[in-house]
């Protein structure tokens, strides 16, 4: 799924009153540097079962936004789950937590933002919740709201 490049700085300049900026310093891990789409939300902690099952469904240009509690102790996504996202048409994934397999993910046509990386895989308890309002850095992300991301950061529509 191809997308036109966007500039979050330009979007913010034009629509400041309609956008919120997440100030966390996410790193880019995918080959797609800018991406956007309606949010699909997940809240989980150090357990990626729900992320894996979600990214194995049709994404239809959505952006999966994961509140992983900011934990860097376990990677919530690696190259195999990221490849499933590519294969299923997701625009991108934003994780308030860690990823792994960053060299492989850097070649994938997928927007990937996370706080950092850790080679340690997650525990598999099957916990977490999807399709609910989540809060990252005092910004509320509701399912279906537009999310925009590039090298400068992440914007969420109000």
Protein backbone atom coordinates (compact mmCIF):
# COMPACT_ATOMS: atom_id res chain seq x y z
CA UNK A 1 0.00 0.00 0.00
CA UNK A 2 1.64 3.21 -1.19
CA UNK A 3 1.15 6.51 0.60
CA UNK A 4 2.15 10.04 -0.31
CA UNK A 5 4.79 11.51 1.96
CA UNK A 6 3.46 13.85 4.61
CA UNK A 7 5.10 16.45 6.82
CA UNK A 8 3.85 16.58 10.40
CA UNK A 9 5.43 20.02 10.79
CA UNK A 10 3.42 21.36 7.84
CA UNK A 11 0.24 19.65 9.06
CA UNK A 12 0.69 21.13 12.51
CA UNK A 13 1.30 24.62 11.10
CA UNK A 14 -1.90 24.42 9.08
CA UNK A 15 -4.18 22.56 11.53
CA UNK A 16 -2.70 23.30 14.96
CA UNK A 17 -6.08 23.61 16.69
CA UNK A 18 -7.21 20.23 15.34
CA UNK A 19 -4.11 18.20 16.21
CA UNK A 20 -2.28 17.00 19.31
CA UNK A 21 1.43 16.22 19.32
CA UNK A 22 2.92 13.30 21.23
CA UNK A 23 6.20 14.60 22.62
CA UNK A 24 7.79 11.21 23.34
CA UNK A 25 10.91 10.76 21.23
CA UNK A 26 9.96 7.74 19.17
CA UNK A 27 12.61 6.23 16.91
CA UNK A 28 11.93 5.18 13.30
CA UNK A 29 12.42 1.48 12.59
CA UNK A 30 10.66 0.84 9.25
CA UNK A 31 11.56 1.81 5.69
CA UNK A 32 8.47 4.03 5.40
CA UNK A 33 9.49 7.31 7.04
CA UNK A 34 6.09 8.97 6.93
CA UNK A 35 2.73 7.31 7.31
CA UNK A 36 -0.84 8.03 8.34
CA UNK A 37 -4.20 6.39 8.76
CA UNK A 38 -7.06 5.74 11.15
CA UNK A 39 -5.94 4.39 14.52
CA UNK A 40 -6.51 0.86 15.72
CA UNK A 41 -5.62 0.77 19.43
CA UNK A 42 -4.19 -1.83 21.78
CA UNK A 43 -3.21 -1.62 25.42
CA UNK A 44 -0.90 -4.38 26.64
CA UNK A 45 2.12 -4.77 28.88
CA UNK A 46 5.12 -6.92 27.96
CA UNK A 47 2.85 -9.34 26.04
CA UNK A 48 2.42 -9.23 22.26
CA UNK A 49 -0.22 -11.90 21.63
CA UNK A 50 -2.89 -9.32 20.79
CA UNK A 51 -0.50 -7.33 18.58
CA UNK A 52 0.39 -10.44 16.58
CA UNK A 53 -3.22 -11.50 16.08
CA UNK A 54 -4.28 -7.97 15.11
CA UNK A 55 -1.51 -7.47 12.52
CA UNK A 56 -2.45 -10.82 10.97
CA UNK A 57 -5.81 -9.32 9.95
CA UNK A 58 -6.50 -6.90 7.07
CA UNK A 59 -5.15 -3.47 8.00
CA UNK A 60 -6.74 -1.50 5.16
CA UNK A 61 -4.32 1.40 5.68
CA UNK A 62 -4.78 1.65 9.44
CA UNK A 63 -2.09 2.57 11.96
CA UNK A 64 -1.83 0.27 14.96
CA UNK A 65 -1.12 2.35 18.08
CA UNK A 66 0.05 0.28 21.04
CA UNK A 67 0.28 1.52 24.60
CA UNK A 68 2.88 -0.86 25.97
CA UNK A 69 3.32 1.19 29.12
CA UNK A 70 6.68 2.48 27.90
CA UNK A 71 8.41 -0.76 28.87
CA UNK A 72 11.72 -1.49 27.17
CA UNK A 73 12.20 -4.83 28.99
CA UNK A 74 10.61 -6.92 26.20
CA UNK A 75 10.15 -6.34 22.47
CA UNK A 76 6.49 -6.16 21.51
CA UNK A 77 7.15 -6.61 17.77
CA UNK A 78 9.83 -8.27 15.67
CA UNK A 79 10.42 -8.87 11.98
CA UNK A 80 7.90 -11.70 11.55
CA UNK A 81 5.01 -9.71 13.04
CA UNK A 82 6.10 -6.62 11.08
CA UNK A 83 6.09 -8.68 7.87
CA UNK A 84 2.53 -9.77 8.65
CA UNK A 85 1.60 -6.07 8.93
CA UNK A 86 3.13 -5.41 5.49
CA UNK A 87 1.39 -8.44 3.97
CA UNK A 88 -1.97 -7.37 5.42
CA UNK A 89 -1.92 -3.73 4.29
CA UNK A 90 -1.21 -1.83 7.52
CA UNK A 91 0.19 1.69 7.04
CA UNK A 92 2.22 1.62 10.22
CA UNK A 93 2.69 0.66 13.84
CA UNK A 94 3.46 3.01 16.75
CA UNK A 95 4.56 1.29 19.95
CA UNK A 96 4.99 2.93 23.33
CA UNK A 97 7.55 0.24 24.10
CA UNK A 98 10.29 -1.75 22.38
CA UNK A 99 10.77 -3.70 19.14
CA UNK A 100 13.46 -6.11 17.95
CA UNK A 101 14.94 -7.26 14.62
CA UNK A 102 15.52 -3.64 13.69
CA UNK A 103 17.89 -4.40 10.78
CA UNK A 104 15.26 -6.55 9.05
CA UNK A 105 12.44 -4.09 9.80
CA UNK A 106 14.44 -1.23 8.28
CA UNK A 107 13.94 -2.86 4.86
CA UNK A 108 10.15 -3.24 5.16
CA UNK A 109 7.65 -0.91 3.51
CA UNK A 110 5.95 -0.15 6.80
CA UNK A 111 6.01 2.81 9.15
CA UNK A 112 7.35 1.65 12.51
CA UNK A 113 7.91 3.88 15.51
CA UNK A 114 8.88 2.70 18.97
CA UNK A 115 10.76 3.98 21.99
CA UNK A 116 13.71 1.63 21.47
CA UNK A 117 14.77 -1.94 20.89
CA UNK A 118 15.55 -5.01 22.95
CA UNK A 119 16.37 -8.50 21.63
CA UNK A 120 14.34 -10.10 24.43
CA UNK A 121 11.00 -11.50 23.20
CA UNK A 122 7.80 -11.01 25.15
CA UNK A 123 5.99 -13.30 27.48
CA UNK A 124 2.87 -14.87 25.95
CA UNK A 125 0.02 -14.55 28.44
CA UNK A 126 -2.62 -13.39 25.98
CA UNK A 127 -3.35 -10.24 27.94
CA UNK A 128 -4.32 -6.84 26.68
CA UNK A 129 -7.27 -4.92 25.32
CA UNK A 130 -8.11 -3.59 21.87
CA UNK A 131 -10.38 -0.92 20.40
CA UNK A 132 -10.39 1.32 23.45
CA UNK A 133 -9.24 4.86 24.14
CA UNK A 134 -5.58 4.84 25.15
CA UNK A 135 -3.39 7.62 26.47
CA UNK A 136 0.23 8.16 25.51
CA UNK A 137 2.09 11.20 26.84
CA UNK A 138 -1.20 12.85 27.93
CA UNK A 139 -2.62 12.50 24.39
CA UNK A 140 -5.78 10.41 24.05
CA UNK A 141 -5.94 8.18 20.98
CA UNK A 142 -9.41 6.93 20.14
CA UNK A 143 -10.05 4.08 17.71
CA UNK A 144 -10.60 5.49 14.22
CA UNK A 145 -9.02 8.90 14.84
CA UNK A 146 -6.43 9.94 12.24
CA UNK A 147 -2.77 9.52 13.20
CA UNK A 148 0.11 11.09 11.25
CA UNK A 149 3.78 10.21 11.75
CA UNK A 150 7.13 11.12 10.21
CA UNK A 151 10.70 11.75 11.30
CA UNK A 152 9.58 14.80 13.31
CA UNK A 153 7.04 12.96 15.44
CA UNK A 154 3.47 11.79 15.85
CA UNK A 155 0.28 13.85 15.54
CA UNK A 156 -3.20 12.74 16.56
CA UNK A 157 -6.41 14.40 15.38
CA UNK A 158 -8.54 15.86 18.15
